[in-house]
Structure formats: C-alpha cells, structure tokens
Amino acid sequence: MMKGGVLVMLRKGSPFCSSTMKLQKEVINATEELKYEAEQQIEDQERILALRNKSGLRHNHLAIEKGQFLSSQDLPYFRSVQFQRRVVAKFGVNSGVNIGIAWDTKEEFKSKLEYWSLAEEGSGKELIEKAWKEHNDRRAASLEEDRKIQKRVANNNKEKESFLDRLRKKNEQQRIAREEKEKLMTEVREHFGYSIDIRSPEAKAMLEEKAKEQKKLVKEAKKKAKFEKAVALSTLKASQQQQESESVTTSEGKSES
C-alpha cells in the first residue's frame, strides 16, 4: 500500500513530483552559478597576475626566476626518484617531497658497494678514506694557491709603492735640474747684458765654467760633510773609551775595598 502510494506521489503531474523537479532544477542552477563564479574568480586572478607580470615570462619561468617550486605531481617524470632528488636538492622542505628520498636505499647502497669493490681496489672503508684524502688534498692545494695569490698581491702593492717612490724622486730631480738650468740661463743673460741663445759658443763656454764651479762646490761640500762625520765618529769613539776606562776603574776600586 505504501509502495503504491509513493508511486502515486511520484507520478507525473502530481503536485509532489512537480515540487521535487523544481527543487532539483534550483539546485542545478545554483551549482552552475557557483561554478561560473569560481571560474570567473580564477580568470580574474589570472588576468591580474598577467597584468602584474611586467617581464612577460611564462608562469613556470617566472616561478623559476623567483626560486619557487611548482608542484607537478600529475606529470609522469615527477614520480621518478632522480627528479624528486633534484627537487629536494634545490628547494629543500619547500618542495613538498619527503627529504628521506635524497639518501640511498639499502639496496642502492649495497649495489654501490658491490660496484666499488669490483671497479676499485680495496674495501668500502678504504675507498671512503681515499675520497676524503683527495678532498683534503684539493682543499690544501686551494688554500696554498690562495696564499700565493695574497702574497703576490702584497708584493704587487710593495712594487707599486717602490715605483711611485722612484717616480717622485725622478720628478724631483727633473724639477731641480730644470730650476738650475733656468738659473744658469738667467745668470748668462745677466752676464752678457742681453738675451743670448743658450746654444751659442759664448753661452756654452760660460755654462761649462758655471758647471765646473758647481761641481767644485758640491765636491767641497761632500768633503766637508765627510770630515765632520769622521770628527763626530772619532769624538764618539773617544767618549766611549773614556766611559769604559772609568767603569773599569770604578769596578777595581770597589773590588779593592
């Protein structure tokens, strides 16, 4: 009886059937509206991101430039161990991949040990020690090269300072020689009483005479300085000898007393 009543209620044209169909249509329309709004929001977000992207890069390229990781778990190659290890090495915990995948499994480690035992002489421990030794040797060589470079840089600075010092001395000597030449030319013109060519025989003769006089003065000045230095040394030596003799006399007097 109940079954027949339900059939009567769901029969086409009955009031209950009409209200049910109306409700179903309203639910479908509401679902479609929500879906349309969600799609519109996604499109708006994509449009805003496109406007913000002034570089014009694609989404994946822009993520690479910013150092971000794009999950591609739906792609076949993402499930490969090699790719996931590369992702973990580059992005770390931000990759969303279990970091434990970066280490070899027991089977892989056993296979590598077997390969090393066949490809290289010695046990796995000896191979590890050999690898560490090579690493330390390379590091020591790198440090030695850095030390040599620093030494060369320091020597370069010293050479630079030495060169600049020689250049300053040379410029000073050239300035002094130029001033002396101008002074001689002024004396020559004052001697003759008129302007004369410095290359003329008369001017050359007078310049040679002035040069000889200048050398004589320099020689006498050096001789005087040498004599004064010798006198100072002899005086200092005599003073030291006198002090030594006085100290010896004082010590003898103390010993006698």
Protein backbone atom coordinates (compact mmCIF):
# COMPACT_ATOMS: atom_id res chain seq x y z
CA MET A 1 0.00 0.00 0.00
CA MET A 2 2.89 2.23 0.89
CA LYS A 3 4.63 1.37 -2.35
CA GLY A 4 1.61 2.19 -4.36
CA GLY A 5 1.23 5.49 -2.50
CA VAL A 6 4.82 6.50 -3.33
CA LEU A 7 4.25 5.69 -6.96
CA VAL A 8 1.14 7.82 -6.94
CA MET A 9 3.08 10.69 -5.32
CA LEU A 10 5.91 10.44 -7.91
CA ARG A 11 3.54 10.02 -10.80
CA LYS A 12 3.92 12.64 -13.46
CA GLY A 13 1.66 15.56 -13.00
CA SER A 14 1.26 15.07 -9.25
CA PRO A 15 1.98 18.15 -7.00
CA PHE A 16 4.79 16.38 -5.08
CA CYS A 17 6.60 15.39 -8.28
CA SER A 18 6.42 18.94 -9.61
CA SER A 19 7.89 20.44 -6.44
CA THR A 20 10.72 17.85 -6.43
CA MET A 21 11.68 18.59 -10.02
CA LYS A 22 11.55 22.30 -9.31
CA LEU A 23 13.88 21.85 -6.34
CA GLN A 24 16.29 19.78 -8.45
CA LYS A 25 16.39 22.50 -11.10
CA GLU A 26 17.07 25.17 -8.47
CA VAL A 27 19.95 23.09 -7.04
CA ILE A 28 21.42 22.56 -10.52
CA ASN A 29 21.12 26.26 -11.34
CA ALA A 30 22.75 27.25 -8.03
CA THR A 31 25.57 24.77 -8.62
CA GLU A 32 26.17 26.12 -12.12
CA GLU A 33 26.17 29.69 -10.80
CA LEU A 34 28.73 28.81 -8.13
CA LYS A 35 30.87 27.05 -10.69
CA TYR A 36 30.63 30.04 -13.04
CA GLU A 37 31.58 32.44 -10.23
CA ALA A 38 34.57 30.26 -9.29
CA GLU A 39 35.71 30.17 -12.91
CA GLN A 40 35.32 33.94 -13.13
CA GLN A 41 37.38 34.41 -9.99
CA ILE A 42 40.11 32.19 -11.40
CA GLU A 43 40.07 34.10 -14.68
CA ASP A 44 40.20 37.41 -12.81
CA GLN A 45 43.16 36.21 -10.74
CA GLU A 46 44.97 35.01 -13.87
CA ARG A 47 44.26 38.32 -15.58
CA ILE A 48 45.57 40.28 -12.56
CA LEU A 49 48.72 38.12 -12.40
CA ALA A 50 49.22 38.64 -16.14
CA LEU A 51 48.95 42.41 -15.69
CA ARG A 52 51.43 42.30 -12.80
CA ASN A 53 53.89 40.24 -14.81
CA LYS A 54 55.76 43.10 -16.47
CA SER A 55 58.59 40.78 -17.58
CA GLY A 56 56.36 38.80 -19.90
CA LEU A 57 57.74 35.48 -18.65
CA ARG A 58 55.60 32.39 -18.55
CA HIS A 59 54.26 31.21 -15.22
CA ASN A 60 56.74 28.35 -14.83
CA HIS A 61 59.68 30.50 -15.94
CA LEU A 62 58.62 33.27 -13.55
CA ALA A 63 58.48 30.76 -10.70
CA ILE A 64 62.00 29.55 -11.54
CA GLU A 65 63.23 33.14 -11.57
CA LYS A 66 61.72 33.74 -8.12
CA GLY A 67 63.11 30.46 -6.76
CA GLN A 68 59.64 28.98 -6.27
CA PHE A 69 58.69 25.35 -6.79
CA LEU A 70 55.78 24.37 -8.99
CA SER A 71 54.30 21.06 -7.97
CA SER A 72 53.96 18.79 -10.99
CA GLN A 73 52.92 15.59 -9.29
CA ASP A 74 50.44 14.87 -12.03
CA LEU A 75 53.29 14.56 -14.55
CA PRO A 76 54.90 11.12 -15.07
CA TYR A 77 58.51 12.22 -14.62
CA PHE A 78 57.74 13.81 -11.23
CA ARG A 79 57.28 10.36 -9.73
CA SER A 80 60.81 9.33 -10.71
CA VAL A 81 63.34 9.13 -7.86
CA GLN A 82 66.00 11.05 -9.78
CA PHE A 83 63.70 14.02 -10.39
CA GLN A 84 62.46 14.12 -6.80
CA ARG A 85 66.06 14.08 -5.54
CA ARG A 86 66.89 17.01 -7.79
CA VAL A 87 63.85 18.88 -6.48
CA VAL A 88 64.82 18.21 -2.84
CA ALA A 89 68.40 19.32 -3.52
CA LYS A 90 67.19 22.61 -4.99
CA PHE A 91 64.11 23.53 -2.92
CA GLY A 92 64.51 21.51 0.29
CA VAL A 93 61.42 21.24 2.52
CA ASN A 94 59.57 23.76 0.33
CA SER A 95 59.40 21.15 -2.41
CA GLY A 96 56.79 19.10 -0.53
CA VAL A 97 58.80 15.95 -1.19
CA ASN A 98 59.94 13.64 1.59
CA ILE A 99 63.58 14.58 2.21
CA GLY A 100 64.42 10.97 3.06
CA ILE A 101 64.35 10.22 -0.65
CA ALA A 102 67.65 12.06 -1.02
CA TRP A 103 69.51 9.17 0.66
CA ASP A 104 70.22 5.83 -0.95
CA THR A 105 68.11 2.88 -0.01
CA LYS A 106 69.73 -0.23 1.44
CA GLU A 107 69.55 -1.95 -1.93
CA GLU A 108 71.13 1.02 -3.74
CA PHE A 109 73.91 1.34 -1.15
CA LYS A 110 74.59 -2.40 -1.34
CA SER A 111 74.71 -2.18 -5.14
CA LYS A 112 77.16 0.74 -4.98
CA LEU A 113 79.39 -1.12 -2.53
CA GLU A 114 79.42 -4.09 -4.86
CA TYR A 115 80.27 -1.82 -7.81
CA TRP A 116 83.09 -0.14 -5.86
CA SER A 117 84.51 -3.49 -4.81
CA LEU A 118 84.68 -4.53 -8.45
CA ALA A 119 85.69 -1.20 -10.00
CA GLU A 120 88.20 -0.14 -7.33
CA GLU A 121 90.73 -1.99 -5.26
CA GLY A 122 90.12 -2.07 -1.51
CA SER A 123 87.15 -2.15 0.79
CA GLY A 124 84.43 0.44 1.07
CA LYS A 125 86.11 1.98 4.12
CA GLU A 126 89.39 2.32 2.23
CA LEU A 127 87.59 3.94 -0.70
CA ILE A 128 85.90 6.44 1.64
CA GLU A 129 89.26 7.24 3.27
CA LYS A 130 90.79 7.68 -0.18
CA ALA A 131 87.99 10.04 -1.23
CA TRP A 132 88.44 12.09 1.96
CA LYS A 133 92.21 12.24 1.37
CA GLU A 134 91.69 13.50 -2.19
CA HIS A 135 89.20 16.08 -0.88
CA ASN A 136 91.64 17.30 1.79
CA ASP A 137 94.48 17.43 -0.77
CA ARG A 138 92.37 19.54 -3.12
CA ARG A 139 91.41 21.84 -0.24
CA ALA A 140 95.06 22.19 0.85
CA ALA A 141 96.10 22.96 -2.74
CA SER A 142 93.34 25.56 -3.00
CA LEU A 143 94.43 27.20 0.27
CA GLU A 144 98.04 27.21 -0.90
CA GLU A 145 97.02 28.85 -4.16
CA ASP A 146 95.05 31.48 -2.22
CA ARG A 147 98.12 32.14 -0.04
CA LYS A 148 100.31 32.58 -3.13
CA ILE A 149 97.80 34.97 -4.65
CA GLN A 150 97.68 37.03 -1.44
CA LYS A 151 101.48 37.10 -1.36
CA ARG A 152 101.64 38.26 -4.97
CA VAL A 153 99.06 40.94 -4.25
CA ALA A 154 101.09 42.12 -1.24
CA ASN A 155 104.29 42.15 -3.32
CA ASN A 156 102.44 44.00 -6.04
CA ASN A 157 101.48 46.70 -3.57
CA LYS A 158 105.11 46.96 -2.43
CA GLU A 159 106.31 47.17 -6.04
CA LYS A 160 103.71 49.81 -6.72
CA GLU A 161 104.87 51.89 -3.74
CA SER A 162 108.51 51.46 -4.80
CA PHE A 163 107.69 52.55 -8.35
CA LEU A 164 105.77 55.59 -7.14
CA ASP A 165 108.68 56.50 -4.84
CA ARG A 166 111.17 56.24 -7.72
CA LEU A 167 108.83 58.30 -9.89
CA ARG A 168 108.58 61.01 -7.22
CA LYS A 169 112.37 61.10 -6.85
CA LYS A 170 112.80 61.31 -10.62
CA ASN A 171 110.29 64.15 -10.88
CA GLU A 172 112.06 65.96 -8.03
CA GLN A 173 115.44 65.56 -9.74
CA GLN A 174 114.00 66.81 -13.01
CA ARG A 175 112.49 69.80 -11.22
CA ILE A 176 115.81 70.64 -9.54
CA ALA A 177 117.71 70.26 -12.84
CA ARG A 178 115.16 72.48 -14.60
CA GLU A 179 115.44 75.15 -11.91
CA GLU A 180 119.25 75.03 -12.05
CA LYS A 181 119.17 75.34 -15.83
CA GLU A 182 116.83 78.32 -15.66
CA LYS A 183 119.07 79.89 -13.01
CA LEU A 184 122.15 79.40 -15.22
CA MET A 185 120.36 80.87 -18.22
CA THR A 186 119.38 83.90 -16.13
CA GLU A 187 122.99 84.33 -14.98
CA VAL A 188 124.25 84.06 -18.58
CA ARG A 189 121.84 86.74 -19.77
CA GLU A 190 122.74 88.97 -16.84
CA HIS A 191 126.47 88.47 -17.58
CA PHE A 192 126.17 89.49 -21.22
CA GLY A 193 123.55 92.12 -20.55
CA TYR A 194 121.25 90.99 -23.31
CA SER A 195 119.24 87.97 -24.34
CA ILE A 196 121.50 85.36 -25.91
CA ASP A 197 120.89 81.96 -27.42
CA ILE A 198 121.86 79.27 -24.93
CA ARG A 199 123.30 77.20 -27.81
CA SER A 200 125.83 79.88 -28.85
CA PRO A 201 129.57 79.21 -28.19
CA GLU A 202 129.84 82.06 -25.69
CA ALA A 203 126.89 80.80 -23.70
CA LYS A 204 128.16 77.22 -23.81
CA ALA A 205 131.59 78.30 -22.57
CA MET A 206 130.08 80.20 -19.66
CA LEU A 207 127.73 77.33 -18.82
CA GLU A 208 130.69 74.92 -18.75
CA GLU A 209 132.54 77.27 -16.44
CA LYS A 210 129.48 77.54 -14.18
CA ALA A 211 129.10 73.76 -14.21
CA LYS A 212 132.73 73.33 -13.15
CA GLU A 213 132.26 75.80 -10.32
CA GLN A 214 129.10 73.97 -9.23
CA LYS A 215 130.89 70.61 -9.23
CA LYS A 216 133.72 72.12 -7.23
CA LEU A 217 131.25 73.45 -4.65
CA VAL A 218 129.49 70.08 -4.45
CA LYS A 219 132.84 68.31 -4.04
CA GLU A 220 133.89 70.66 -1.28
CA ALA A 221 130.53 70.25 0.47
CA LYS A 222 130.87 66.44 0.35
CA LYS A 223 134.46 66.67 1.61
CA LYS A 224 133.34 68.92 4.46
CA ALA A 225 130.47 66.60 5.37
CA LYS A 226 132.81 63.61 5.30
CA PHE A 227 135.30 65.40 7.55
CA GLU A 228 132.59 66.42 10.01
CA LYS A 229 131.30 62.83 10.07
CA ALA A 230 134.79 61.48 10.75
CA VAL A 231 135.32 64.02 13.56
CA ALA A 232 131.95 63.08 15.07
CA LEU A 233 132.80 59.37 14.93
CA SER A 234 136.23 59.89 16.48
CA THR A 235 134.71 62.03 19.24
CA LEU A 236 132.06 59.39 19.92
CA LYS A 237 134.68 56.63 19.98
CA ALA A 238 136.90 58.58 22.39
CA SER A 239 133.91 59.24 24.63
CA GLN A 240 133.02 55.54 24.68
CA GLN A 241 136.61 54.56 25.50
CA GLN A 242 136.70 57.08 28.33
CA GLN A 243 133.45 55.74 29.75
CA GLU A 244 134.77 52.18 29.55
CA SER A 245 138.01 53.14 31.34
CA GLU A 246 136.08 54.97 34.05
CA SER A 247 133.80 51.98 34.57
CA VAL A 248 136.84 49.64 34.84
CA THR A 249 138.49 51.96 37.37
CA THR A 250 135.30 52.14 39.43
CA SER A 251 134.93 48.35 39.47
CA GLU A 252 138.59 47.86 40.52
CA GLY A 253 138.15 50.37 43.35
CA LYS A 254 135.10 48.55 44.61
CA SER A 255 136.89 45.17 44.49
CA GLU A 256 139.88 46.53 46.48
CA SER A 257 137.64 47.98 49.13
